[in-house]
Amino acid sequence: MITAIVLIKTSVDRIPEIAESIAALENVSEVFSVTGTYDLIAMVRVARHDDLADVIPGRISKIPGVEGTDTHVAFRTYSQHDLEAAFAIGLDA
């Protein structure tokens, strides 16, 4: 699974509507409304690198009000959930 973090600039008067439209897209797992240079951050998860082109420029960038994106592809994912599962291997519940 390939994970991309997509930083999104939007029309500020439509952030909630744009966030909902992005969140409804297939392969988008979460959308966060944030402070700072960008208005939204979307987590995109796909099976192949080529699929990123379908989701990000193909669908996210075409939503009315999206003004620009900056995409970062993750090399590895680390999370507290993953660490807990790793330490639980072999333990009886």
N, C-alpha and C. Protein backbone atom coordinates (compact mmCIF):
# COMPACT_ATOMS: atom_id res chain seq x y z
N MET A 1 0.85 -1.17 0.00
CA MET A 1 0.00 0.00 0.00
C MET A 1 0.90 1.23 0.00
N ILE A 2 0.63 2.17 -0.86
CA ILE A 2 1.37 3.42 -0.98
C ILE A 2 0.55 4.52 -0.32
N THR A 3 1.19 5.28 0.56
CA THR A 3 0.51 6.38 1.24
C THR A 3 1.08 7.70 0.76
N ALA A 4 0.20 8.61 0.41
CA ALA A 4 0.60 9.97 0.03
C ALA A 4 -0.08 10.95 0.96
N ILE A 5 0.68 11.94 1.40
CA ILE A 5 0.15 13.03 2.20
C ILE A 5 0.01 14.21 1.25
N VAL A 6 -1.22 14.68 1.08
CA VAL A 6 -1.50 15.73 0.11
C VAL A 6 -1.87 17.02 0.85
N LEU A 7 -1.03 18.04 0.72
CA LEU A 7 -1.28 19.35 1.30
C LEU A 7 -2.08 20.15 0.27
N ILE A 8 -3.19 20.73 0.70
CA ILE A 8 -4.14 21.32 -0.26
C ILE A 8 -4.46 22.76 0.11
N LYS A 9 -4.33 23.65 -0.87
CA LYS A 9 -4.78 25.04 -0.73
C LYS A 9 -6.16 25.13 -1.37
N THR A 10 -7.08 25.82 -0.68
CA THR A 10 -8.45 25.92 -1.18
C THR A 10 -8.97 27.35 -1.09
N SER A 11 -10.14 27.55 -1.64
CA SER A 11 -10.87 28.80 -1.40
C SER A 11 -11.29 28.76 0.06
N VAL A 12 -10.86 29.73 0.85
CA VAL A 12 -11.09 29.68 2.30
C VAL A 12 -12.57 29.73 2.68
N ASP A 13 -13.41 30.28 1.83
CA ASP A 13 -14.83 30.36 2.16
C ASP A 13 -15.57 29.05 1.92
N ARG A 14 -14.87 28.02 1.37
CA ARG A 14 -15.53 26.74 1.07
C ARG A 14 -14.79 25.53 1.66
N ILE A 15 -13.97 25.76 2.67
CA ILE A 15 -13.15 24.67 3.22
C ILE A 15 -13.99 23.45 3.64
N PRO A 16 -15.07 23.62 4.42
CA PRO A 16 -15.82 22.43 4.84
C PRO A 16 -16.41 21.63 3.67
N GLU A 17 -16.95 22.33 2.68
CA GLU A 17 -17.54 21.64 1.52
C GLU A 17 -16.48 20.92 0.69
N ILE A 18 -15.34 21.57 0.52
CA ILE A 18 -14.25 20.96 -0.25
C ILE A 18 -13.71 19.75 0.50
N ALA A 19 -13.55 19.87 1.82
CA ALA A 19 -13.06 18.75 2.63
C ALA A 19 -14.00 17.55 2.52
N GLU A 20 -15.29 17.79 2.57
CA GLU A 20 -16.27 16.70 2.44
C GLU A 20 -16.20 16.05 1.06
N SER A 21 -16.02 16.84 0.03
CA SER A 21 -15.91 16.30 -1.33
C SER A 21 -14.67 15.43 -1.48
N ILE A 22 -13.56 15.89 -0.90
CA ILE A 22 -12.32 15.11 -0.97
C ILE A 22 -12.46 13.83 -0.16
N ALA A 23 -13.02 13.92 1.04
CA ALA A 23 -13.18 12.76 1.91
C ALA A 23 -14.06 11.68 1.27
N ALA A 24 -14.96 12.08 0.40
CA ALA A 24 -15.86 11.13 -0.25
C ALA A 24 -15.19 10.35 -1.39
N LEU A 25 -14.01 10.77 -1.80
CA LEU A 25 -13.32 10.11 -2.91
C LEU A 25 -12.75 8.76 -2.48
N GLU A 26 -12.82 7.80 -3.40
CA GLU A 26 -12.20 6.51 -3.18
C GLU A 26 -10.69 6.70 -3.01
N ASN A 27 -10.08 5.96 -2.13
CA ASN A 27 -8.64 6.00 -1.82
C ASN A 27 -8.23 7.15 -0.91
N VAL A 28 -9.16 8.01 -0.51
CA VAL A 28 -8.85 9.05 0.46
C VAL A 28 -9.34 8.54 1.81
N SER A 29 -8.41 8.34 2.76
CA SER A 29 -8.80 7.76 4.04
C SER A 29 -9.16 8.81 5.09
N GLU A 30 -8.50 9.96 5.07
CA GLU A 30 -8.80 11.04 6.01
C GLU A 30 -8.54 12.38 5.34
N VAL A 31 -9.26 13.38 5.84
CA VAL A 31 -9.00 14.77 5.44
C VAL A 31 -9.00 15.60 6.71
N PHE A 32 -7.96 16.40 6.90
CA PHE A 32 -7.82 17.23 8.08
C PHE A 32 -7.88 18.70 7.68
N SER A 33 -8.65 19.49 8.40
CA SER A 33 -8.63 20.94 8.26
C SER A 33 -7.55 21.43 9.21
N VAL A 34 -6.60 22.22 8.69
CA VAL A 34 -5.43 22.60 9.48
C VAL A 34 -5.14 24.10 9.40
N THR A 35 -4.28 24.55 10.30
CA THR A 35 -3.82 25.93 10.25
C THR A 35 -2.50 25.97 9.49
N GLY A 36 -2.10 27.13 9.07
CA GLY A 36 -0.82 27.28 8.40
C GLY A 36 -0.97 27.61 6.93
N THR A 37 0.05 27.28 6.17
CA THR A 37 0.11 27.62 4.75
C THR A 37 -0.97 26.91 3.94
N TYR A 38 -1.31 25.70 4.35
CA TYR A 38 -2.32 24.91 3.63
C TYR A 38 -3.61 24.87 4.43
N ASP A 39 -4.71 24.62 3.74
CA ASP A 39 -6.03 24.59 4.38
C ASP A 39 -6.46 23.18 4.78
N LEU A 40 -6.06 22.20 3.97
CA LEU A 40 -6.44 20.81 4.20
C LEU A 40 -5.25 19.88 4.00
N ILE A 41 -5.27 18.75 4.68
CA ILE A 41 -4.32 17.68 4.44
C ILE A 41 -5.13 16.41 4.22
N ALA A 42 -4.86 15.73 3.11
CA ALA A 42 -5.56 14.48 2.81
C ALA A 42 -4.57 13.33 2.82
N MET A 43 -5.01 12.21 3.36
CA MET A 43 -4.23 10.98 3.34
C MET A 43 -4.80 10.12 2.22
N VAL A 44 -3.95 9.79 1.25
CA VAL A 44 -4.37 9.00 0.10
C VAL A 44 -3.61 7.67 0.14
N ARG A 45 -4.35 6.58 0.02
CA ARG A 45 -3.73 5.25 0.05
C ARG A 45 -4.14 4.49 -1.21
N VAL A 46 -3.13 4.06 -1.97
CA VAL A 46 -3.37 3.35 -3.24
C VAL A 46 -2.47 2.12 -3.33
N ALA A 47 -2.80 1.24 -4.26
CA ALA A 47 -2.02 0.02 -4.44
C ALA A 47 -0.77 0.25 -5.29
N ARG A 48 -0.87 1.16 -6.28
CA ARG A 48 0.25 1.38 -7.21
C ARG A 48 0.53 2.88 -7.33
N HIS A 49 1.78 3.20 -7.62
CA HIS A 49 2.15 4.61 -7.81
C HIS A 49 1.32 5.28 -8.90
N ASP A 50 1.05 4.54 -9.96
CA ASP A 50 0.26 5.11 -11.07
C ASP A 50 -1.12 5.55 -10.60
N ASP A 51 -1.65 4.90 -9.57
CA ASP A 51 -2.98 5.26 -9.07
C ASP A 51 -3.00 6.64 -8.43
N LEU A 52 -1.83 7.12 -7.96
CA LEU A 52 -1.78 8.46 -7.39
C LEU A 52 -2.20 9.52 -8.40
N ALA A 53 -1.82 9.32 -9.66
CA ALA A 53 -2.19 10.28 -10.71
C ALA A 53 -3.70 10.33 -10.92
N ASP A 54 -4.35 9.19 -10.77
CA ASP A 54 -5.81 9.16 -10.91
C ASP A 54 -6.49 9.92 -9.77
N VAL A 55 -5.95 9.76 -8.56
CA VAL A 55 -6.60 10.35 -7.39
C VAL A 55 -6.27 11.83 -7.22
N ILE A 56 -4.98 12.18 -7.28
CA ILE A 56 -4.59 13.55 -6.91
C ILE A 56 -4.85 14.54 -8.04
N PRO A 57 -4.10 14.50 -9.15
CA PRO A 57 -4.45 15.46 -10.21
C PRO A 57 -5.74 15.10 -10.93
N GLY A 58 -6.07 13.82 -10.94
CA GLY A 58 -7.26 13.37 -11.67
C GLY A 58 -8.58 13.68 -11.00
N ARG A 59 -8.60 13.68 -9.65
CA ARG A 59 -9.87 13.91 -8.94
C ARG A 59 -9.78 15.04 -7.92
N ILE A 60 -8.79 15.00 -7.01
CA ILE A 60 -8.72 16.04 -5.97
C ILE A 60 -8.55 17.42 -6.59
N SER A 61 -7.60 17.56 -7.50
CA SER A 61 -7.32 18.88 -8.09
C SER A 61 -8.47 19.42 -8.93
N LYS A 62 -9.38 18.56 -9.34
CA LYS A 62 -10.50 19.00 -10.18
C LYS A 62 -11.73 19.41 -9.37
N ILE A 63 -11.67 19.26 -8.05
CA ILE A 63 -12.80 19.68 -7.22
C ILE A 63 -12.84 21.20 -7.21
N PRO A 64 -14.00 21.79 -7.50
CA PRO A 64 -14.11 23.26 -7.49
C PRO A 64 -13.69 23.83 -6.14
N GLY A 65 -12.80 24.81 -6.18
CA GLY A 65 -12.31 25.44 -4.97
C GLY A 65 -10.91 24.99 -4.57
N VAL A 66 -10.44 23.87 -5.12
CA VAL A 66 -9.07 23.43 -4.86
C VAL A 66 -8.16 24.29 -5.71
N GLU A 67 -7.24 25.01 -5.07
CA GLU A 67 -6.36 25.94 -5.78
C GLU A 67 -4.98 25.37 -6.05
N GLY A 68 -4.58 24.36 -5.29
CA GLY A 68 -3.27 23.76 -5.51
C GLY A 68 -3.00 22.64 -4.52
N THR A 69 -2.09 21.75 -4.90
CA THR A 69 -1.72 20.64 -4.03
C THR A 69 -0.20 20.50 -3.98
N ASP A 70 0.27 19.91 -2.90
CA ASP A 70 1.69 19.58 -2.72
C ASP A 70 1.69 18.17 -2.14
N THR A 71 2.23 17.21 -2.88
CA THR A 71 2.13 15.80 -2.50
C THR A 71 3.45 15.26 -1.99
N HIS A 72 3.37 14.50 -0.90
CA HIS A 72 4.52 13.83 -0.31
C HIS A 72 4.20 12.35 -0.21
N VAL A 73 5.05 11.50 -0.79
CA VAL A 73 4.84 10.05 -0.76
C VAL A 73 5.66 9.48 0.40
N ALA A 74 5.01 8.67 1.22
CA ALA A 74 5.67 8.07 2.38
C ALA A 74 6.53 6.88 1.95
N PHE A 75 7.75 6.80 2.52
CA PHE A 75 8.60 5.63 2.30
C PHE A 75 8.18 4.50 3.23
N ARG A 76 7.95 4.84 4.50
CA ARG A 76 7.54 3.88 5.51
C ARG A 76 6.51 4.55 6.41
N THR A 77 5.71 3.72 7.08
CA THR A 77 4.73 4.23 8.02
C THR A 77 5.05 3.70 9.40
N TYR A 78 5.11 4.60 10.37
CA TYR A 78 5.32 4.24 11.77
C TYR A 78 4.13 4.77 12.56
N SER A 79 3.55 3.94 13.39
CA SER A 79 2.44 4.41 14.22
C SER A 79 2.43 3.67 15.53
N GLN A 80 1.81 4.26 16.52
CA GLN A 80 1.69 3.62 17.83
C GLN A 80 0.96 2.29 17.70
N HIS A 81 -0.06 2.23 16.86
CA HIS A 81 -0.82 1.00 16.64
C HIS A 81 0.09 -0.11 16.13
N ASP A 82 0.96 0.21 15.17
CA ASP A 82 1.89 -0.78 14.62
C ASP A 82 2.86 -1.27 15.68
N LEU A 83 3.37 -0.36 16.52
CA LEU A 83 4.31 -0.74 17.56
C LEU A 83 3.65 -1.65 18.59
N GLU A 84 2.42 -1.35 18.98
CA GLU A 84 1.71 -2.18 19.95
C GLU A 84 1.49 -3.58 19.40
N ALA A 85 1.12 -3.68 18.12
CA ALA A 85 0.90 -4.99 17.50
C ALA A 85 2.19 -5.79 17.44
N ALA A 86 3.31 -5.13 17.15
CA ALA A 86 4.58 -5.83 17.06
C ALA A 86 5.00 -6.39 18.41
N PHE A 87 4.81 -5.61 19.49
CA PHE A 87 5.19 -6.08 20.81
C PHE A 87 4.25 -7.16 21.34
N ALA A 88 3.04 -7.24 20.78
CA ALA A 88 2.06 -8.23 21.24
C ALA A 88 2.23 -9.58 20.56
N ILE A 89 3.09 -9.67 19.57
CA ILE A 89 3.28 -10.94 18.86
C ILE A 89 3.77 -12.00 19.83
N GLY A 90 3.06 -13.12 19.85
CA GLY A 90 3.44 -14.23 20.70
C GLY A 90 2.91 -14.18 22.12
N LEU A 91 2.24 -13.10 22.48
CA LEU A 91 1.67 -13.00 23.82
C LEU A 91 0.26 -13.54 23.82
N ASP A 92 -0.10 -14.23 24.87
CA ASP A 92 -1.47 -14.72 25.01
C ASP A 92 -2.34 -13.61 25.53
N ALA A 93 -3.55 -13.51 24.99
CA ALA A 93 -4.46 -12.45 25.42
C ALA A 93 -5.14 -12.79 26.71
